[in-house]
């Protein structure tokens, strides 16, 4: 559809972008990037009664996943670190008594801006010998410095209505803001309070929506002044 990425491909640019996601009137100035990939391990088929005659691809894949988890352990709670989620494991082998000669795992990786240039290389080094890595989806992380003039201007607009400056927060998910990073357009997420995103019960707080509209009006008028 003719969304944000399409518009950017058509040449649309901006000095500053506000993506009106539901942030509860906080300013999300950094967001994790996304990397979806498949790692395939190979081995040597054999009868299950004689595993020493083969090389089990699942065991090789397990060693890869163990090393990957040691490098990127699951945090105990919200933490601004790169995370790796193995979402699916497959093999073409369907027999109980066969040593599988291939296996693959799908990975969903959410990387922080500091790891953007290295995360893929780190994973490549861990891929089993003779294995393959296929990238399906790679979208950049996003970071806008807190002292960006328009972030300061927006925070002042929030303070003029609420009496408090808008907190700067980091988003573990992502949004259309990611499409602006590669073309040098600074983008943040800022919007009213709400919840249930993507569900049948998605909602927005009406009072917060009113505040959002007032803040945006103040921000734009000051921008034009």
N, C-alpha and C. Protein backbone atom coordinates (compact mmCIF):
# COMPACT_ATOMS: atom_id res chain seq x y z
N UNK A 1 0.84 -1.19 0.00
CA UNK A 1 0.00 0.00 0.00
C UNK A 1 0.88 1.25 0.00
N UNK A 2 0.26 2.39 -0.27
CA UNK A 2 1.02 3.64 -0.39
C UNK A 2 1.29 4.23 1.00
N UNK A 3 2.12 3.56 1.76
CA UNK A 3 2.42 4.00 3.11
C UNK A 3 3.71 4.78 3.19
N UNK A 4 4.28 4.80 4.40
CA UNK A 4 5.46 5.62 4.65
C UNK A 4 6.64 5.24 3.76
N UNK A 5 6.92 3.94 3.68
CA UNK A 5 8.09 3.52 2.90
C UNK A 5 7.93 3.91 1.43
N UNK A 6 6.73 3.77 0.91
CA UNK A 6 6.47 4.14 -0.48
C UNK A 6 6.70 5.63 -0.68
N UNK A 7 6.20 6.45 0.25
CA UNK A 7 6.37 7.89 0.13
C UNK A 7 7.84 8.29 0.15
N UNK A 8 8.62 7.63 1.01
CA UNK A 8 10.05 7.92 1.06
C UNK A 8 10.72 7.52 -0.25
N UNK A 9 10.32 6.37 -0.79
CA UNK A 9 10.88 5.95 -2.08
C UNK A 9 10.54 6.93 -3.19
N UNK A 10 9.41 7.64 -3.03
CA UNK A 10 9.00 8.64 -4.02
C UNK A 10 9.66 9.99 -3.79
N UNK A 11 10.50 10.09 -2.74
CA UNK A 11 11.26 11.31 -2.53
C UNK A 11 10.79 12.20 -1.40
N UNK A 12 9.78 11.78 -0.64
CA UNK A 12 9.30 12.60 0.48
C UNK A 12 10.38 12.67 1.56
N UNK A 13 10.67 13.86 2.04
CA UNK A 13 11.66 14.07 3.10
C UNK A 13 11.11 15.08 4.10
N UNK A 14 11.71 15.11 5.29
CA UNK A 14 11.28 16.06 6.32
C UNK A 14 12.47 16.40 7.21
N UNK A 15 12.43 17.59 7.79
CA UNK A 15 13.47 17.99 8.74
C UNK A 15 13.28 17.31 10.09
N UNK A 16 12.03 16.94 10.41
CA UNK A 16 11.72 16.28 11.68
C UNK A 16 10.40 15.55 11.51
N UNK A 17 10.33 14.33 12.01
CA UNK A 17 9.14 13.49 11.83
C UNK A 17 8.61 13.06 13.19
N UNK A 18 7.31 13.23 13.39
CA UNK A 18 6.63 12.73 14.59
C UNK A 18 5.68 11.62 14.16
N UNK A 19 5.96 10.42 14.60
CA UNK A 19 5.08 9.27 14.34
C UNK A 19 4.13 9.15 15.52
N UNK A 20 2.85 9.34 15.28
CA UNK A 20 1.87 9.46 16.36
C UNK A 20 1.43 8.10 16.89
N UNK A 21 2.38 7.34 17.41
CA UNK A 21 2.07 6.08 18.08
C UNK A 21 1.58 6.38 19.49
N UNK A 22 1.00 5.38 20.12
CA UNK A 22 0.49 5.55 21.48
C UNK A 22 1.64 5.47 22.48
N UNK A 23 2.15 6.62 22.89
CA UNK A 23 3.29 6.67 23.81
C UNK A 23 2.94 7.26 25.17
N UNK A 24 1.67 7.62 25.37
CA UNK A 24 1.30 8.23 26.64
C UNK A 24 1.93 9.58 26.86
N UNK A 25 2.14 10.32 25.76
CA UNK A 25 2.74 11.66 25.78
C UNK A 25 4.20 11.65 26.24
N UNK A 26 4.85 10.48 26.15
CA UNK A 26 6.30 10.43 26.31
C UNK A 26 6.93 10.49 24.92
N UNK A 27 8.18 10.89 24.86
CA UNK A 27 8.89 11.00 23.59
C UNK A 27 9.82 9.79 23.44
N UNK A 28 9.54 8.96 22.46
CA UNK A 28 10.39 7.80 22.20
C UNK A 28 11.43 8.20 21.14
N UNK A 29 12.63 8.46 21.62
CA UNK A 29 13.68 8.97 20.73
C UNK A 29 14.65 7.90 20.27
N UNK A 30 14.45 6.67 20.73
CA UNK A 30 15.26 5.58 20.20
C UNK A 30 14.44 4.29 20.16
N UNK A 31 14.64 3.52 19.12
CA UNK A 31 13.88 2.30 18.88
C UNK A 31 14.81 1.21 18.40
N UNK A 32 14.51 -0.01 18.77
CA UNK A 32 15.32 -1.14 18.33
C UNK A 32 15.08 -1.43 16.85
N UNK A 33 16.11 -1.96 16.21
CA UNK A 33 15.97 -2.44 14.85
C UNK A 33 15.48 -3.88 14.83
N UNK A 34 15.14 -4.37 13.65
CA UNK A 34 14.61 -5.72 13.49
C UNK A 34 15.47 -6.49 12.49
N UNK A 35 15.76 -7.73 12.85
CA UNK A 35 16.50 -8.62 11.95
C UNK A 35 15.87 -10.00 12.01
N UNK A 36 15.24 -10.43 10.92
CA UNK A 36 14.67 -11.77 10.82
C UNK A 36 15.56 -12.61 9.91
N UNK A 37 16.02 -13.73 10.41
CA UNK A 37 16.90 -14.56 9.59
C UNK A 37 16.71 -16.05 9.89
N UNK A 38 17.23 -16.87 9.00
CA UNK A 38 17.21 -18.33 9.17
C UNK A 38 18.64 -18.84 9.13
N UNK A 39 18.98 -19.69 10.09
CA UNK A 39 20.28 -20.35 10.11
C UNK A 39 20.07 -21.84 9.87
N UNK A 40 20.78 -22.38 8.91
CA UNK A 40 20.65 -23.79 8.53
C UNK A 40 21.94 -24.52 8.83
N UNK A 41 21.81 -25.64 9.52
CA UNK A 41 22.96 -26.49 9.82
C UNK A 41 22.85 -27.78 9.00
N UNK A 42 23.98 -28.29 8.56
CA UNK A 42 24.00 -29.54 7.80
C UNK A 42 24.80 -30.59 8.55
N UNK A 43 24.55 -31.85 8.21
CA UNK A 43 25.26 -32.96 8.84
C UNK A 43 25.38 -34.12 7.88
N UNK A 44 25.31 -35.32 8.42
CA UNK A 44 25.42 -36.53 7.60
C UNK A 44 24.38 -37.53 8.09
N UNK A 45 23.54 -37.99 7.19
CA UNK A 45 22.47 -38.92 7.56
C UNK A 45 23.04 -40.29 7.92
N UNK A 46 22.36 -40.95 8.86
CA UNK A 46 22.73 -42.30 9.26
C UNK A 46 21.53 -42.93 9.97
N UNK A 47 21.62 -44.22 10.23
CA UNK A 47 20.56 -44.89 10.98
C UNK A 47 20.68 -44.49 12.45
N UNK A 48 19.53 -44.31 13.11
CA UNK A 48 19.54 -43.87 14.49
C UNK A 48 20.21 -44.83 15.45
N UNK A 49 20.33 -46.09 15.07
CA UNK A 49 21.00 -47.06 15.93
C UNK A 49 22.52 -46.91 15.88
N UNK A 50 23.01 -46.20 14.86
CA UNK A 50 24.46 -46.05 14.68
C UNK A 50 24.81 -44.57 14.49
N UNK A 51 24.55 -43.74 15.51
CA UNK A 51 24.74 -42.29 15.34
C UNK A 51 26.19 -41.91 15.05
N UNK A 52 27.14 -42.76 15.44
CA UNK A 52 28.54 -42.44 15.19
C UNK A 52 28.91 -42.48 13.71
N UNK A 53 28.00 -43.04 12.92
CA UNK A 53 28.23 -43.08 11.48
C UNK A 53 27.72 -41.82 10.77
N UNK A 54 27.01 -41.00 11.51
CA UNK A 54 26.47 -39.78 10.93
C UNK A 54 26.91 -38.54 11.68
N UNK A 55 26.37 -37.43 11.28
CA UNK A 55 26.61 -36.15 11.97
C UNK A 55 25.25 -35.47 12.11
N UNK A 56 24.77 -35.38 13.33
CA UNK A 56 23.41 -34.91 13.59
C UNK A 56 23.32 -33.39 13.45
N UNK A 57 22.56 -32.94 12.46
CA UNK A 57 22.44 -31.50 12.21
C UNK A 57 21.71 -30.78 13.33
N UNK A 58 20.82 -31.49 14.03
CA UNK A 58 20.10 -30.85 15.14
C UNK A 58 21.05 -30.55 16.29
N UNK A 59 21.97 -31.49 16.58
CA UNK A 59 22.95 -31.21 17.62
C UNK A 59 23.83 -30.02 17.24
N UNK A 60 24.19 -29.93 15.98
CA UNK A 60 24.98 -28.78 15.52
C UNK A 60 24.20 -27.48 15.70
N UNK A 61 22.93 -27.53 15.36
CA UNK A 61 22.09 -26.35 15.52
C UNK A 61 21.94 -26.00 16.99
N UNK A 62 21.86 -27.02 17.84
CA UNK A 62 21.75 -26.78 19.28
C UNK A 62 23.00 -26.08 19.82
N UNK A 63 24.15 -26.49 19.35
CA UNK A 63 25.39 -25.84 19.78
C UNK A 63 25.41 -24.37 19.36
N UNK A 64 24.92 -24.12 18.15
CA UNK A 64 24.83 -22.73 17.68
C UNK A 64 23.90 -21.92 18.56
N UNK A 65 22.73 -22.47 18.89
CA UNK A 65 21.76 -21.74 19.70
C UNK A 65 22.27 -21.50 21.12
N UNK A 66 23.00 -22.48 21.66
CA UNK A 66 23.57 -22.30 23.00
C UNK A 66 24.58 -21.16 23.01
N UNK A 67 25.44 -21.13 22.00
CA UNK A 67 26.43 -20.06 21.91
C UNK A 67 25.75 -18.71 21.69
N UNK A 68 24.69 -18.72 20.89
CA UNK A 68 23.97 -17.47 20.62
C UNK A 68 23.29 -16.95 21.88
N UNK A 69 22.73 -17.87 22.67
CA UNK A 69 22.05 -17.46 23.91
C UNK A 69 23.04 -16.95 24.94
N UNK A 70 24.24 -17.51 24.94
CA UNK A 70 25.27 -17.00 25.85
C UNK A 70 25.69 -15.59 25.46
N UNK A 71 25.71 -15.33 24.15
CA UNK A 71 26.10 -13.99 23.67
C UNK A 71 24.99 -12.99 23.87
N UNK A 72 23.74 -13.42 23.69
CA UNK A 72 22.59 -12.53 23.85
C UNK A 72 21.57 -13.18 24.79
N UNK A 73 21.86 -13.21 26.10
CA UNK A 73 20.93 -13.85 27.04
C UNK A 73 19.63 -13.07 27.17
N UNK A 74 18.56 -13.78 27.52
CA UNK A 74 17.28 -13.11 27.76
C UNK A 74 17.38 -12.27 29.02
N UNK A 75 17.01 -10.99 28.96
CA UNK A 75 17.02 -10.17 30.17
C UNK A 75 15.91 -10.61 31.12
N UNK A 76 16.12 -10.38 32.42
CA UNK A 76 15.12 -10.76 33.42
C UNK A 76 13.90 -9.85 33.38
N UNK A 77 14.06 -8.68 32.81
CA UNK A 77 12.98 -7.71 32.71
C UNK A 77 13.31 -6.73 31.60
N UNK A 78 12.55 -5.64 31.52
CA UNK A 78 12.83 -4.64 30.48
C UNK A 78 14.27 -4.14 30.58
N UNK A 79 15.01 -4.27 29.51
CA UNK A 79 16.41 -3.83 29.49
C UNK A 79 16.76 -3.40 28.08
N UNK A 80 17.57 -2.36 27.98
CA UNK A 80 17.93 -1.82 26.67
C UNK A 80 19.12 -2.60 26.13
N UNK A 81 18.85 -3.83 25.71
CA UNK A 81 19.87 -4.71 25.17
C UNK A 81 19.31 -5.41 23.93
N UNK A 82 20.19 -5.95 23.12
CA UNK A 82 19.77 -6.73 21.96
C UNK A 82 19.24 -8.08 22.43
N UNK A 83 18.10 -8.50 21.88
CA UNK A 83 17.50 -9.78 22.24
C UNK A 83 17.33 -10.65 21.00
N UNK A 84 17.38 -11.97 21.22
CA UNK A 84 17.22 -12.94 20.14
C UNK A 84 16.13 -13.93 20.53
N UNK A 85 15.15 -14.08 19.65
CA UNK A 85 14.06 -15.03 19.88
C UNK A 85 14.07 -16.11 18.81
N UNK A 86 14.48 -17.36 19.15
CA UNK A 86 14.33 -18.45 18.20
C UNK A 86 12.84 -18.81 18.10
N UNK A 87 12.25 -18.55 16.95
CA UNK A 87 10.79 -18.66 16.84
C UNK A 87 10.31 -19.97 16.22
N UNK A 88 11.20 -20.68 15.52
CA UNK A 88 10.79 -21.93 14.88
C UNK A 88 12.01 -22.76 14.53
N UNK A 89 11.91 -24.09 14.75
CA UNK A 89 12.97 -25.02 14.37
C UNK A 89 12.36 -26.10 13.47
N UNK A 90 13.07 -26.42 12.38
CA UNK A 90 12.54 -27.38 11.41
C UNK A 90 13.64 -28.34 10.94
N UNK A 91 13.20 -29.51 10.51
CA UNK A 91 14.05 -30.45 9.79
C UNK A 91 13.18 -31.22 8.80
N UNK A 92 13.76 -31.62 7.70
CA UNK A 92 13.00 -32.41 6.73
C UNK A 92 12.87 -33.86 7.17
N UNK A 93 13.64 -34.25 8.18
CA UNK A 93 13.57 -35.63 8.66
C UNK A 93 12.28 -35.87 9.43
N UNK A 94 11.57 -36.93 9.08
CA UNK A 94 10.33 -37.29 9.78
C UNK A 94 10.39 -38.68 10.40
N UNK A 95 11.54 -39.32 10.31
CA UNK A 95 11.69 -40.68 10.84
C UNK A 95 12.35 -40.64 12.22
N UNK A 96 11.85 -41.47 13.14
CA UNK A 96 12.43 -41.55 14.47
C UNK A 96 13.83 -42.15 14.44
N UNK A 97 14.08 -43.05 13.52
CA UNK A 97 15.32 -43.82 13.54
C UNK A 97 16.34 -43.35 12.51
N UNK A 98 16.33 -42.05 12.22
CA UNK A 98 17.29 -41.50 11.28
C UNK A 98 18.02 -40.32 11.90
N UNK A 99 19.32 -40.26 11.68
CA UNK A 99 20.11 -39.09 12.08
C UNK A 99 19.87 -38.01 11.02
N UNK A 100 19.31 -36.86 11.42
CA UNK A 100 19.00 -35.83 10.42
C UNK A 100 20.25 -35.17 9.87
N UNK A 101 20.23 -34.94 8.56
CA UNK A 101 21.39 -34.30 7.94
C UNK A 101 21.18 -32.82 7.67
N UNK A 102 20.03 -32.27 8.09
CA UNK A 102 19.83 -30.83 8.00
C UNK A 102 18.79 -30.39 9.02
N UNK A 103 18.94 -29.16 9.49
CA UNK A 103 17.99 -28.55 10.42
C UNK A 103 18.17 -27.04 10.33
N UNK A 104 17.10 -26.31 10.58
CA UNK A 104 17.20 -24.85 10.51
C UNK A 104 16.33 -24.19 11.57
N UNK A 105 16.71 -23.00 11.93
CA UNK A 105 15.99 -22.23 12.94
C UNK A 105 15.73 -20.82 12.42
N UNK A 106 14.54 -20.31 12.72
CA UNK A 106 14.21 -18.92 12.41
C UNK A 106 14.48 -18.07 13.64
N UNK A 107 15.07 -16.91 13.44
CA UNK A 107 15.41 -16.01 14.54
C UNK A 107 14.80 -14.64 14.31
N UNK A 108 14.20 -14.10 15.36
CA UNK A 108 13.72 -12.71 15.36
C UNK A 108 14.59 -11.93 16.34
N UNK A 109 15.36 -10.99 15.82
CA UNK A 109 16.34 -10.25 16.62
C UNK A 109 15.92 -8.80 16.69
N UNK A 110 15.92 -8.26 17.91
CA UNK A 110 15.64 -6.84 18.13
C UNK A 110 16.92 -6.22 18.67
N UNK A 111 17.57 -5.40 17.86
CA UNK A 111 18.88 -4.89 18.24
C UNK A 111 18.84 -3.40 18.58
N UNK A 112 19.63 -3.04 19.59
CA UNK A 112 19.74 -1.65 20.01
C UNK A 112 20.64 -0.91 19.03
N UNK A 113 20.52 0.42 18.95
CA UNK A 113 21.35 1.19 18.00
C UNK A 113 22.84 0.93 18.14
N UNK A 114 23.32 0.70 19.36
CA UNK A 114 24.76 0.49 19.57
C UNK A 114 25.26 -0.79 18.91
N UNK A 115 24.37 -1.76 18.67
CA UNK A 115 24.76 -3.03 18.06
C UNK A 115 24.45 -3.09 16.57
N UNK A 116 23.95 -2.01 16.01
CA UNK A 116 23.46 -2.03 14.63
C UNK A 116 24.51 -2.49 13.62
N UNK A 117 25.76 -2.07 13.82
CA UNK A 117 26.81 -2.36 12.84
C UNK A 117 27.48 -3.71 13.06
N UNK A 118 27.20 -4.36 14.19
CA UNK A 118 27.96 -5.57 14.52
C UNK A 118 27.12 -6.82 14.70
N UNK A 119 25.82 -6.68 14.95
CA UNK A 119 25.01 -7.84 15.36
C UNK A 119 25.03 -8.94 14.31
N UNK A 120 24.93 -8.61 13.04
CA UNK A 120 24.89 -9.63 12.00
C UNK A 120 26.23 -10.36 11.90
N UNK A 121 27.33 -9.63 12.02
CA UNK A 121 28.65 -10.26 11.96
C UNK A 121 28.87 -11.20 13.15
N UNK A 122 28.39 -10.80 14.33
CA UNK A 122 28.51 -11.65 15.52
C UNK A 122 27.80 -12.98 15.29
N UNK A 123 26.63 -12.94 14.70
CA UNK A 123 25.87 -14.16 14.46
C UNK A 123 26.53 -15.01 13.38
N UNK A 124 27.03 -14.38 12.34
CA UNK A 124 27.69 -15.12 11.25
C UNK A 124 28.86 -15.96 11.77
N UNK A 125 29.61 -15.41 12.70
CA UNK A 125 30.76 -16.12 13.26
C UNK A 125 30.32 -17.40 13.96
N UNK A 126 29.12 -17.41 14.53
CA UNK A 126 28.64 -18.55 15.30
C UNK A 126 27.99 -19.63 14.44
N UNK A 127 27.68 -19.33 13.19
CA UNK A 127 27.00 -20.30 12.32
C UNK A 127 27.87 -21.56 12.18
N UNK A 128 27.28 -22.75 12.33
CA UNK A 128 28.06 -23.99 12.23
C UNK A 128 28.79 -24.11 10.90
N UNK A 129 29.94 -24.77 10.92
CA UNK A 129 30.72 -24.99 9.70
C UNK A 129 29.85 -25.69 8.66
N UNK A 130 29.87 -25.18 7.45
CA UNK A 130 29.06 -25.74 6.39
C UNK A 130 27.62 -25.28 6.40
N UNK A 131 27.26 -24.45 7.37
CA UNK A 131 25.89 -23.97 7.49
C UNK A 131 25.64 -22.75 6.63
N UNK A 132 24.40 -22.28 6.68
CA UNK A 132 24.00 -21.13 5.88
C UNK A 132 23.21 -20.15 6.75
N UNK A 133 23.34 -18.88 6.43
CA UNK A 133 22.56 -17.82 7.08
C UNK A 133 21.83 -17.04 6.00
N UNK A 134 20.52 -16.92 6.14
CA UNK A 134 19.71 -16.20 5.17
C UNK A 134 18.97 -15.07 5.88
N UNK A 135 19.17 -13.84 5.42
CA UNK A 135 18.48 -12.68 5.98
C UNK A 135 17.18 -12.46 5.21
N UNK A 136 16.06 -12.43 5.94
CA UNK A 136 14.76 -12.20 5.31
C UNK A 136 14.29 -10.76 5.46
N UNK A 137 14.68 -10.12 6.56
CA UNK A 137 14.13 -8.79 6.88
C UNK A 137 15.14 -8.09 7.76
N UNK A 138 15.55 -6.90 7.36
CA UNK A 138 16.55 -6.15 8.13
C UNK A 138 16.17 -4.67 8.10
N UNK A 139 15.66 -4.19 9.22
CA UNK A 139 15.26 -2.79 9.33
C UNK A 139 16.09 -2.11 10.41
N UNK A 140 16.50 -0.87 10.18
CA UNK A 140 17.45 -0.21 11.07
C UNK A 140 16.87 0.17 12.43
N UNK A 141 17.78 0.29 13.40
CA UNK A 141 17.42 0.91 14.67
C UNK A 141 17.35 2.42 14.46
N UNK A 142 16.83 3.12 15.45
CA UNK A 142 16.65 4.56 15.30
C UNK A 142 17.06 5.26 16.60
N UNK A 143 17.82 6.33 16.47
CA UNK A 143 18.23 7.11 17.64
C UNK A 143 18.31 8.58 17.27
N UNK A 144 17.65 9.41 18.04
CA UNK A 144 17.71 10.87 17.89
C UNK A 144 18.21 11.46 19.20
N UNK A 145 19.25 12.26 19.15
CA UNK A 145 19.86 12.82 20.35
C UNK A 145 18.86 13.66 21.14
N UNK A 146 18.91 13.56 22.48
CA UNK A 146 17.98 14.32 23.32
C UNK A 146 18.07 15.83 23.14
N UNK A 147 19.23 16.31 22.67
CA UNK A 147 19.39 17.76 22.51
C UNK A 147 19.00 18.24 21.12
N UNK A 148 18.33 17.39 20.34
CA UNK A 148 17.85 17.84 19.04
C UNK A 148 16.87 18.99 19.26
N UNK A 149 16.99 20.09 18.53
CA UNK A 149 16.15 21.27 18.77
C UNK A 149 14.65 20.98 18.76
N UNK A 150 14.19 20.10 17.90
CA UNK A 150 12.76 19.83 17.84
C UNK A 150 12.29 18.93 18.97
N UNK A 151 13.16 18.11 19.52
CA UNK A 151 12.81 17.35 20.72
C UNK A 151 12.66 18.31 21.89
N UNK A 152 13.58 19.25 22.00
CA UNK A 152 13.48 20.26 23.06
C UNK A 152 12.21 21.08 22.90
N UNK A 153 11.90 21.47 21.68
CA UNK A 153 10.71 22.26 21.41
C UNK A 153 9.44 21.48 21.76
N UNK A 154 9.41 20.20 21.42
CA UNK A 154 8.24 19.37 21.72
C UNK A 154 8.10 19.17 23.22
N UNK A 155 9.21 18.95 23.90
CA UNK A 155 9.17 18.77 25.35
C UNK A 155 8.65 20.02 26.05
N UNK A 156 9.02 21.18 25.54
CA UNK A 156 8.51 22.43 26.11
C UNK A 156 7.01 22.58 25.87
N UNK A 157 6.55 22.12 24.71
CA UNK A 157 5.11 22.18 24.42
C UNK A 157 4.34 21.28 25.37
N UNK A 158 4.91 20.13 25.70
CA UNK A 158 4.27 19.23 26.67
C UNK A 158 4.23 19.90 28.04
N UNK A 159 5.35 20.50 28.43
CA UNK A 159 5.44 21.13 29.75
C UNK A 159 4.48 22.30 29.87
N UNK A 160 4.25 23.02 28.78
CA UNK A 160 3.35 24.18 28.85
C UNK A 160 1.92 23.76 29.14
N UNK A 161 1.56 22.51 28.81
CA UNK A 161 0.21 22.03 29.06
C UNK A 161 0.12 21.22 30.35
N UNK A 162 1.10 20.35 30.59
CA UNK A 162 1.03 19.43 31.73
C UNK A 162 1.81 19.91 32.95
N UNK A 163 2.71 20.87 32.74
CA UNK A 163 3.53 21.33 33.84
C UNK A 163 4.81 20.52 34.03
N UNK A 164 4.98 19.48 33.23
CA UNK A 164 6.16 18.63 33.32
C UNK A 164 6.72 18.36 31.93
N UNK A 165 8.05 18.31 31.83
CA UNK A 165 8.67 17.97 30.55
C UNK A 165 8.38 16.52 30.20
N UNK A 166 8.27 16.23 28.92
CA UNK A 166 7.99 14.86 28.49
C UNK A 166 9.22 13.99 28.70
N UNK A 167 9.07 12.84 29.35
CA UNK A 167 10.21 11.93 29.51
C UNK A 167 10.67 11.37 28.16
N UNK A 168 11.96 11.15 28.04
CA UNK A 168 12.51 10.47 26.87
C UNK A 168 12.62 8.98 27.20
N UNK A 169 12.05 8.14 26.35
CA UNK A 169 12.05 6.70 26.61
C UNK A 169 12.53 5.95 25.36
N UNK A 170 12.92 4.70 25.58
CA UNK A 170 13.37 3.83 24.49
C UNK A 170 12.29 2.81 24.19
N UNK A 171 12.06 2.54 22.91
CA UNK A 171 11.00 1.62 22.48
C UNK A 171 11.61 0.28 22.07
N UNK A 172 11.13 -0.80 22.68
CA UNK A 172 11.61 -2.13 22.33
C UNK A 172 11.06 -2.57 20.98
N UNK A 173 9.88 -2.06 20.62
CA UNK A 173 9.31 -2.33 19.31
C UNK A 173 9.77 -1.28 18.32
N UNK A 174 9.07 -1.18 17.22
CA UNK A 174 9.45 -0.21 16.21
C UNK A 174 8.20 0.35 15.54
N UNK A 175 8.41 1.25 14.61
CA UNK A 175 7.28 1.89 13.93
C UNK A 175 7.77 2.40 12.58
N UNK A 176 6.93 3.20 11.93
CA UNK A 176 7.33 3.79 10.65
C UNK A 176 8.53 4.72 10.78
N UNK A 177 8.88 5.08 12.00
CA UNK A 177 10.06 5.93 12.20
C UNK A 177 11.31 5.28 11.61
N UNK A 178 11.33 3.94 11.58
CA UNK A 178 12.52 3.24 11.09
C UNK A 178 12.79 3.51 9.61
N UNK A 179 11.75 3.86 8.86
CA UNK A 179 11.94 4.10 7.43
C UNK A 179 12.66 5.42 7.16
N UNK A 180 12.62 6.33 8.13
CA UNK A 180 13.24 7.64 7.92
C UNK A 180 14.74 7.64 8.23
N UNK A 181 15.18 6.72 9.11
CA UNK A 181 16.59 6.71 9.52
C UNK A 181 17.55 6.58 8.34
N UNK A 182 17.32 5.66 7.39
CA UNK A 182 18.30 5.50 6.30
C UNK A 182 18.42 6.71 5.38
N UNK A 183 17.42 7.60 5.37
CA UNK A 183 17.48 8.76 4.48
C UNK A 183 17.80 10.04 5.25
N UNK A 184 18.23 9.88 6.50
CA UNK A 184 18.71 11.03 7.26
C UNK A 184 17.64 11.96 7.80
N UNK A 185 16.42 11.45 7.95
CA UNK A 185 15.34 12.27 8.51
C UNK A 185 15.12 11.88 9.97
N UNK A 186 15.41 12.76 10.93
CA UNK A 186 15.21 12.42 12.33
C UNK A 186 13.74 12.18 12.63
N UNK A 187 13.43 11.06 13.29
CA UNK A 187 12.05 10.69 13.56
C UNK A 187 11.91 10.17 14.98
N UNK A 188 10.81 10.55 15.62
CA UNK A 188 10.49 10.08 16.97
C UNK A 188 9.07 9.54 16.99
N UNK A 189 8.72 8.87 18.09
CA UNK A 189 7.34 8.47 18.34
C UNK A 189 6.80 9.34 19.46
N UNK A 190 5.60 9.88 19.24
CA UNK A 190 4.96 10.70 20.27
C UNK A 190 3.46 10.70 20.00
N UNK A 191 2.69 10.33 21.02
CA UNK A 191 1.24 10.29 20.82
C UNK A 191 0.50 10.14 22.13
N UNK A 192 -0.82 10.04 22.06
CA UNK A 192 -1.65 9.96 23.26
C UNK A 192 -1.54 8.60 23.94
N UNK A 193 -2.14 8.49 25.11
CA UNK A 193 -2.19 7.22 25.82
C UNK A 193 -3.21 6.30 25.19
N UNK A 194 -2.93 5.02 25.21
CA UNK A 194 -3.85 4.03 24.66
C UNK A 194 -3.33 2.64 24.94
N UNK A 195 -3.93 1.65 24.31
CA UNK A 195 -3.51 0.27 24.54
C UNK A 195 -4.19 -0.68 23.58
N UNK A 196 -3.83 -1.96 23.71
CA UNK A 196 -4.42 -2.99 22.88
C UNK A 196 -4.06 -2.88 21.42
N UNK A 197 -2.87 -2.36 21.12
CA UNK A 197 -2.51 -2.12 19.71
C UNK A 197 -2.60 -3.38 18.87
N UNK A 198 -3.27 -3.26 17.74
CA UNK A 198 -3.41 -4.37 16.82
C UNK A 198 -4.50 -5.36 17.17
N UNK A 199 -5.20 -5.14 18.28
CA UNK A 199 -6.25 -6.07 18.70
C UNK A 199 -7.63 -5.50 18.38
N UNK A 200 -8.65 -6.32 18.58
CA UNK A 200 -10.03 -5.86 18.37
C UNK A 200 -10.45 -4.84 19.42
N UNK A 201 -9.70 -4.80 20.53
CA UNK A 201 -10.05 -3.90 21.63
C UNK A 201 -9.09 -2.72 21.74
N UNK A 202 -8.46 -2.36 20.65
CA UNK A 202 -7.54 -1.21 20.68
C UNK A 202 -8.29 0.05 21.09
N UNK A 203 -7.65 0.85 21.93
CA UNK A 203 -8.34 2.03 22.46
C UNK A 203 -7.38 3.19 22.62
N UNK A 204 -7.95 4.39 22.74
CA UNK A 204 -7.18 5.61 23.01
C UNK A 204 -7.92 6.41 24.07
N UNK A 205 -7.16 6.99 24.98
CA UNK A 205 -7.74 7.81 26.03
C UNK A 205 -8.13 9.17 25.45
N UNK A 206 -9.41 9.52 25.59
CA UNK A 206 -9.93 10.74 24.96
C UNK A 206 -9.26 11.99 25.53
N UNK A 207 -9.11 12.06 26.85
CA UNK A 207 -8.47 13.23 27.45
C UNK A 207 -7.02 13.37 26.96
N UNK A 208 -6.33 12.23 26.88
CA UNK A 208 -4.96 12.26 26.39
C UNK A 208 -4.90 12.67 24.93
N UNK A 209 -5.89 12.25 24.15
CA UNK A 209 -5.95 12.64 22.74
C UNK A 209 -6.14 14.15 22.61
N UNK A 210 -6.97 14.71 23.49
CA UNK A 210 -7.17 16.16 23.49
C UNK A 210 -5.86 16.88 23.84
N UNK A 211 -5.14 16.35 24.84
CA UNK A 211 -3.86 16.94 25.21
C UNK A 211 -2.87 16.86 24.05
N UNK A 212 -2.87 15.73 23.38
CA UNK A 212 -1.97 15.54 22.24
C UNK A 212 -2.23 16.59 21.16
N UNK A 213 -3.49 16.83 20.86
CA UNK A 213 -3.83 17.83 19.83
C UNK A 213 -3.38 19.22 20.25
N UNK A 214 -3.58 19.56 21.51
CA UNK A 214 -3.16 20.87 22.01
C UNK A 214 -1.64 21.03 21.97
N UNK A 215 -0.94 19.96 22.35
CA UNK A 215 0.52 19.99 22.33
C UNK A 215 1.04 20.16 20.91
N UNK A 216 0.45 19.43 19.97
CA UNK A 216 0.90 19.53 18.58
C UNK A 216 0.63 20.93 18.02
N UNK A 217 -0.49 21.52 18.40
CA UNK A 217 -0.80 22.88 17.95
C UNK A 217 0.26 23.85 18.47
N UNK A 218 0.59 23.73 19.76
CA UNK A 218 1.60 24.61 20.36
C UNK A 218 2.96 24.40 19.69
N UNK A 219 3.31 23.13 19.47
CA UNK A 219 4.60 22.81 18.84
C UNK A 219 4.69 23.41 17.44
N UNK A 220 3.64 23.27 16.66
CA UNK A 220 3.66 23.75 15.28
C UNK A 220 3.66 25.28 15.21
N UNK A 221 2.91 25.91 16.10
CA UNK A 221 2.89 27.37 16.11
C UNK A 221 4.26 27.93 16.50
N UNK A 222 4.92 27.29 17.47
CA UNK A 222 6.26 27.73 17.85
C UNK A 222 7.27 27.46 16.74
N UNK A 223 7.03 26.39 16.00
CA UNK A 223 7.92 26.05 14.88
C UNK A 223 7.84 27.12 13.79
N UNK A 224 6.63 27.64 13.61
CA UNK A 224 6.42 28.63 12.55
C UNK A 224 6.78 30.04 12.98
N UNK A 225 6.96 30.23 14.29
CA UNK A 225 7.22 31.58 14.80
C UNK A 225 8.60 32.08 14.39
